[in-house]
Amino acid sequence: MLGRDTHWRQGDLLTADSARSLDFGGRDDTTDHRVIVISHDCDLPHEAEPFVEVIVGDVIEKNDPALSHAKNPRRLHMAFENGDCPAITLELRHTDRKEVPKTEFMEKAVKDDSTLLGDGEKRTLKQWLAARYGRPAFPNAFEARLRKLVGKQTVDRHIAKVVGPSASHLVALFFDLGEQRGVELADGDPYAISISVVYDATEGGFNARQAAEDTAGKLRGIFEAAYGKAEDATEIAIEECEAVADTLMTLADLRKVDQWRLEYISLSDCDAGEFLPVGEIPV
């Protein structure tokens, strides 16, 4: 068994050779794969945990900002630093999680010490793993109203289309429904919503703020075009829609809001199944 002095940690990458020895070679003949440890650090040496949980990721050429920072609950793009070589960028899917008996893992797994998962990417991995189970649903009536058809697309797809181009600058999109957060409202009774378009103030600076402000303006336009001005709305009343620096979001703020994720992207996947409600704040 793995001992308390184990050097393995969540987010560690296995060497390609040792991954193949564990029979995680790949799902087809054309795509390269790598294997990442996703068991929690405390579970790795714990005697009550007989398995090491890993996830098989596809090596891809380019990161998609819409699939970074745990924006999508089913798919994640993340990069491992690789010394002087180009970073190794992987696409992860929850459906590709595997369990390896600890005895087999100890015998065959070898850590790839040439790679490093940075602190920011490791936090993202933890958020993405937790978000699959920790994202409570919005009220069904609210979600149904978000799927209102405007032109050739539903409102939620219009939102995603607006957010997508600025995704590299945005940390998250938060919806605040106030006291209506868990309430199924009757027809004619509107949900009052405030939206925070949160941007990366530290890394993005002025460009991120400008992108978030532009996105906020477009989002307000989408809601008003679909549902009317707040005072006239009977489905969803947009009260506020503002760009907010991530450095200004407090824990108290996060406890009041839910994160809207670009979940519709997953609906085109062959393994997506039924529609799942959009999620909430990262853990």
Protein backbone atom coordinates (compact mmCIF):
# COMPACT_ATOMS: atom_id res chain seq x y z
CA MET A 1 0.00 0.00 0.00
CA LEU A 2 0.99 3.61 -0.43
CA GLY A 3 2.47 4.94 2.79
CA ARG A 4 2.25 8.30 4.53
CA ASP A 5 5.57 9.22 2.97
CA THR A 6 4.30 8.73 -0.59
CA HIS A 7 5.51 11.28 -3.13
CA TRP A 8 2.30 11.00 -5.18
CA ARG A 9 -0.11 13.96 -5.16
CA GLN A 10 -3.38 14.85 -6.85
CA GLY A 11 -2.61 16.28 -10.27
CA ASP A 12 0.55 14.24 -10.85
CA LEU A 13 1.09 12.95 -14.37
CA LEU A 14 2.18 9.37 -15.06
CA THR A 15 4.87 8.69 -17.62
CA ALA A 16 3.47 7.49 -20.94
CA ASP A 17 5.20 4.11 -20.59
CA SER A 18 3.84 3.40 -17.12
CA ALA A 19 0.37 4.49 -18.21
CA ARG A 20 0.53 1.91 -20.99
CA SER A 21 1.60 -0.74 -18.50
CA LEU A 22 -1.61 -0.02 -16.59
CA ASP A 23 -3.53 -0.70 -19.79
CA PHE A 24 -4.64 2.89 -20.32
CA GLY A 25 -3.13 3.04 -23.79
CA GLY A 26 -6.00 4.80 -25.52
CA ARG A 27 -9.45 4.54 -26.99
CA ASP A 28 -8.41 4.72 -30.65
CA ASP A 29 -5.34 4.57 -32.86
CA THR A 30 -5.02 8.26 -33.68
CA THR A 31 -5.05 10.19 -30.38
CA ASP A 32 -2.27 10.44 -27.80
CA HIS A 33 -3.27 10.04 -24.14
CA ARG A 34 -1.81 10.77 -20.70
CA VAL A 35 -2.98 9.69 -17.25
CA ILE A 36 -3.43 12.01 -14.25
CA VAL A 37 -3.89 11.10 -10.59
CA ILE A 38 -7.13 12.64 -9.28
CA SER A 39 -7.45 10.96 -5.87
CA HIS A 40 -7.26 13.46 -3.04
CA ASP A 41 -3.83 13.75 -1.40
CA CYS A 42 -5.23 12.39 1.89
CA ASP A 43 -6.86 9.38 0.17
CA LEU A 44 -3.68 8.21 -1.54
CA PRO A 45 -2.04 6.77 1.63
CA HIS A 46 -5.26 6.05 3.55
CA GLU A 47 -5.67 2.33 4.30
CA ALA A 48 -9.45 2.54 3.86
CA GLU A 49 -9.03 3.55 0.21
CA PRO A 50 -8.14 0.47 -1.88
CA PHE A 51 -7.93 2.29 -5.22
CA VAL A 52 -6.11 5.22 -6.80
CA GLU A 53 -8.46 7.19 -8.99
CA VAL A 54 -7.02 8.49 -12.25
CA ILE A 55 -8.35 10.13 -15.39
CA VAL A 56 -7.22 9.50 -18.96
CA GLY A 57 -6.75 12.74 -20.89
CA ASP A 58 -6.38 13.36 -24.63
CA VAL A 59 -3.31 15.32 -25.67
CA ILE A 60 -4.50 18.28 -27.76
CA GLU A 61 -2.69 21.02 -29.66
CA LYS A 62 -4.51 24.10 -28.36
CA ASN A 63 -6.41 25.13 -25.26
CA ASP A 64 -10.01 26.29 -25.75
CA PRO A 65 -10.72 29.17 -23.31
CA ALA A 66 -14.37 28.09 -23.09
CA LEU A 67 -13.21 24.77 -21.61
CA SER A 68 -10.64 26.19 -19.17
CA HIS A 69 -11.06 27.37 -15.56
CA ALA A 70 -13.75 24.71 -14.93
CA LYS A 71 -16.30 26.65 -17.02
CA ASN A 72 -17.70 23.42 -18.44
CA PRO A 73 -18.66 20.69 -15.94
CA ARG A 74 -18.06 17.78 -18.33
CA ARG A 75 -14.89 18.75 -20.18
CA LEU A 76 -11.71 20.54 -19.06
CA HIS A 77 -8.65 21.82 -20.92
CA MET A 78 -5.52 22.18 -18.81
CA ALA A 79 -1.78 22.45 -19.39
CA PHE A 80 1.22 20.84 -17.71
CA GLU A 81 4.49 22.75 -17.74
CA ASN A 82 7.14 20.66 -19.47
CA GLY A 83 10.52 22.23 -18.73
CA ASP A 84 11.98 23.91 -21.82
CA CYS A 85 9.60 21.99 -24.08
CA PRO A 86 6.11 23.15 -25.06
CA ALA A 87 3.44 22.62 -22.42
CA ILE A 88 1.40 19.41 -22.57
CA THR A 89 -2.24 20.40 -23.03
CA LEU A 90 -4.88 17.83 -22.16
CA GLU A 91 -8.62 17.50 -22.55
CA LEU A 92 -10.27 15.70 -19.63
CA ARG A 93 -13.74 14.17 -19.51
CA HIS A 94 -15.41 12.77 -16.41
CA THR A 95 -16.40 9.67 -18.36
CA ASP A 96 -12.69 8.74 -18.62
CA ARG A 97 -12.07 8.31 -14.89
CA LYS A 98 -10.59 4.97 -13.87
CA GLU A 99 -9.79 3.14 -10.61
CA VAL A 100 -6.49 1.31 -10.17
CA PRO A 101 -5.88 -1.07 -7.25
CA LYS A 102 -3.19 0.45 -5.06
CA THR A 103 -1.07 -2.70 -5.24
CA GLU A 104 -0.99 -2.48 -9.04
CA PHE A 105 -0.44 1.27 -8.96
CA MET A 106 2.58 0.89 -6.67
CA GLU A 107 4.04 -1.79 -8.92
CA LYS A 108 3.59 -0.10 -12.29
CA ALA A 109 2.96 3.67 -11.97
CA VAL A 110 5.88 6.07 -12.45
CA LYS A 111 5.57 9.80 -11.92
CA ASP A 112 6.58 12.05 -14.83
CA ASP A 113 8.96 14.35 -12.95
CA SER A 114 9.66 16.36 -16.11
CA THR A 115 6.18 17.90 -15.95
CA LEU A 116 4.52 20.22 -13.44
CA LEU A 117 0.91 21.22 -12.87
CA GLY A 118 0.98 24.84 -11.71
CA ASP A 119 -0.90 26.01 -8.63
CA GLY A 120 -3.58 27.76 -10.68
CA GLU A 121 -4.21 24.74 -12.88
CA LYS A 122 -4.30 22.45 -9.85
CA ARG A 123 -6.97 24.63 -8.23
CA THR A 124 -8.92 24.46 -11.48
CA LEU A 125 -8.67 20.65 -11.51
CA LYS A 126 -10.04 20.48 -7.95
CA GLN A 127 -12.90 22.84 -8.83
CA TRP A 128 -13.77 20.86 -11.94
CA LEU A 129 -13.78 17.54 -10.11
CA ALA A 130 -15.98 18.96 -7.35
CA ALA A 131 -18.33 20.79 -9.71
CA ARG A 132 -19.69 17.58 -11.21
CA TYR A 133 -21.47 16.78 -7.96
CA GLY A 134 -21.59 20.17 -6.25
CA ARG A 135 -23.59 22.20 -8.74
CA PRO A 136 -27.19 22.56 -7.53
CA ALA A 137 -29.82 23.24 -10.14
CA PHE A 138 -31.55 26.52 -10.81
CA PRO A 139 -35.34 26.33 -10.52
CA ASN A 140 -36.87 24.35 -13.39
CA ALA A 141 -39.11 27.28 -14.31
CA PHE A 142 -36.09 29.60 -14.56
CA GLU A 143 -34.18 27.15 -16.76
CA ALA A 144 -37.21 26.70 -18.99
CA ARG A 145 -37.40 30.47 -19.47
CA LEU A 146 -33.69 30.57 -20.33
CA ARG A 147 -34.46 28.14 -23.15
CA LYS A 148 -36.92 30.56 -24.71
CA LEU A 149 -36.43 30.73 -28.46
CA VAL A 150 -35.31 34.13 -29.72
CA GLY A 151 -34.72 34.12 -33.45
CA LYS A 152 -33.12 30.81 -34.35
CA GLN A 153 -31.51 30.14 -30.95
CA THR A 154 -32.52 29.88 -27.32
CA VAL A 155 -31.51 32.54 -24.81
CA ASP A 156 -28.93 30.33 -23.09
CA ARG A 157 -27.19 29.76 -26.42
CA HIS A 158 -27.24 33.49 -27.14
CA ILE A 159 -25.55 33.98 -23.75
CA ALA A 160 -22.89 31.41 -24.55
CA LYS A 161 -22.26 32.97 -27.95
CA VAL A 162 -21.64 36.35 -26.33
CA VAL A 163 -19.46 34.99 -23.53
CA GLY A 164 -17.35 32.71 -25.72
CA PRO A 165 -15.09 35.32 -27.42
CA SER A 166 -14.13 36.83 -24.05
CA ALA A 167 -13.74 33.52 -22.21
CA SER A 168 -9.96 33.85 -21.87
CA HIS A 169 -10.43 37.02 -19.78
CA LEU A 170 -13.41 35.86 -17.72
CA VAL A 171 -13.27 33.88 -14.49
CA ALA A 172 -16.99 33.14 -14.26
CA LEU A 173 -20.51 34.35 -14.91
CA PHE A 174 -22.64 34.52 -11.75
CA PHE A 175 -26.43 34.72 -11.54
CA ASP A 176 -28.07 36.14 -8.40
CA LEU A 177 -31.76 35.28 -8.09
CA GLY A 178 -32.04 36.55 -4.53
CA GLU A 179 -34.88 35.01 -2.53
CA GLN A 180 -36.19 33.33 -5.71
CA ARG A 181 -33.07 31.15 -5.90
CA GLY A 182 -34.91 27.91 -5.12
CA VAL A 183 -38.47 28.90 -5.96
CA GLU A 184 -40.60 27.57 -8.81
CA LEU A 185 -42.53 30.65 -9.94
CA ALA A 186 -45.89 30.56 -11.68
CA ASP A 187 -46.36 31.88 -15.21
CA GLY A 188 -46.45 35.66 -15.26
CA ASP A 189 -44.34 36.00 -12.12
CA PRO A 190 -40.83 37.06 -13.25
CA TYR A 191 -37.49 36.02 -11.82
CA ALA A 192 -35.45 39.07 -10.84
CA ILE A 193 -31.84 38.49 -11.81
CA SER A 194 -28.56 40.32 -11.28
CA ILE A 195 -25.54 39.17 -13.27
CA SER A 196 -21.86 39.55 -12.38
CA VAL A 197 -19.38 39.11 -15.23
CA VAL A 198 -16.23 38.37 -13.23
CA TYR A 199 -12.89 39.00 -14.92
CA ASP A 200 -9.27 38.24 -14.08
CA ALA A 201 -8.01 41.56 -12.77
CA THR A 202 -4.55 40.33 -11.83
CA GLU A 203 -3.50 38.71 -15.10
CA GLY A 204 -5.90 40.40 -17.52
CA GLY A 205 -5.73 44.02 -16.42
CA PHE A 206 -7.38 46.66 -18.60
CA ASN A 207 -8.11 44.31 -21.50
CA ALA A 208 -9.95 41.89 -19.22
CA ARG A 209 -12.00 44.70 -17.68
CA GLN A 210 -12.92 46.04 -21.12
CA ALA A 211 -13.90 42.57 -22.33
CA ALA A 212 -16.06 42.01 -19.24
CA GLU A 213 -17.76 45.41 -19.60
CA ASP A 214 -18.51 44.74 -23.27
CA THR A 215 -19.87 41.29 -22.39
CA ALA A 216 -22.05 42.73 -19.62
CA GLY A 217 -23.55 45.26 -22.02
CA LYS A 218 -24.33 42.57 -24.59
CA LEU A 219 -25.86 40.28 -21.97
CA ARG A 220 -28.20 43.01 -20.79
CA GLY A 221 -29.21 43.49 -24.41
CA ILE A 222 -29.98 39.78 -24.78
CA PHE A 223 -32.20 39.69 -21.69
CA GLU A 224 -34.05 42.88 -22.58
CA ALA A 225 -34.59 41.70 -26.16
CA ALA A 226 -35.94 38.36 -24.91
CA TYR A 227 -37.94 39.44 -21.88
CA GLY A 228 -38.31 43.23 -22.05
CA LYS A 229 -37.22 45.91 -19.59
CA ALA A 230 -37.22 44.92 -15.92
CA GLU A 231 -40.39 46.87 -15.11
CA ASP A 232 -42.31 45.17 -17.94
CA ALA A 233 -40.88 41.63 -17.78
CA THR A 234 -43.15 38.69 -16.98
CA GLU A 235 -40.52 35.92 -17.30
CA ILE A 236 -37.05 37.19 -16.32
CA ALA A 237 -36.36 40.76 -15.19
CA ILE A 238 -32.74 41.83 -15.63
CA GLU A 239 -32.01 44.25 -12.78
CA GLU A 240 -28.21 44.53 -12.88
CA CYS A 241 -25.51 43.26 -15.19
CA GLU A 242 -22.02 44.44 -14.28
CA ALA A 243 -18.36 43.63 -14.85
CA VAL A 244 -16.69 42.76 -11.53
CA ALA A 245 -13.01 42.21 -10.79
CA ASP A 246 -12.29 38.82 -9.22
CA THR A 247 -10.30 40.63 -6.53
CA LEU A 248 -13.50 42.31 -5.35
CA MET A 249 -15.63 39.16 -5.00
CA THR A 250 -15.95 38.22 -1.32
CA LEU A 251 -16.95 34.91 0.24
CA ALA A 252 -20.22 36.56 1.28
CA ASP A 253 -20.85 37.46 -2.38
CA LEU A 254 -20.15 33.92 -3.55
CA ARG A 255 -22.57 32.42 -1.06
CA LYS A 256 -25.44 34.42 -2.61
CA VAL A 257 -24.86 33.58 -6.26
CA ASP A 258 -24.74 30.62 -8.63
CA GLN A 259 -22.27 30.15 -11.46
CA TRP A 260 -23.74 29.79 -14.91
CA ARG A 261 -21.58 27.36 -16.90
CA LEU A 262 -21.38 26.90 -20.66
CA GLU A 263 -22.98 23.50 -20.26
CA TYR A 264 -24.75 23.53 -23.61
CA ILE A 265 -21.40 22.81 -25.27
CA SER A 266 -21.55 19.30 -23.81
CA LEU A 267 -24.97 18.62 -25.28
CA SER A 268 -23.39 17.89 -28.66
CA ASP A 269 -21.21 15.15 -27.14
CA CYS A 270 -22.24 11.61 -27.94
CA ASP A 271 -22.11 10.71 -24.24
CA ALA A 272 -23.93 13.78 -22.94
CA GLY A 273 -27.22 12.07 -22.23
CA GLU A 274 -30.14 14.13 -20.95
CA PHE A 275 -29.90 17.86 -20.35
CA LEU A 276 -28.41 18.67 -16.96
CA PRO A 277 -29.09 21.96 -15.18
CA VAL A 278 -26.40 24.58 -15.20
CA GLY A 279 -24.20 24.84 -12.14
CA GLU A 280 -23.10 26.95 -9.27
CA ILE A 281 -20.10 28.48 -7.55
CA PRO A 282 -16.74 26.74 -7.71
CA VAL A 283 -15.73 25.03 -4.48
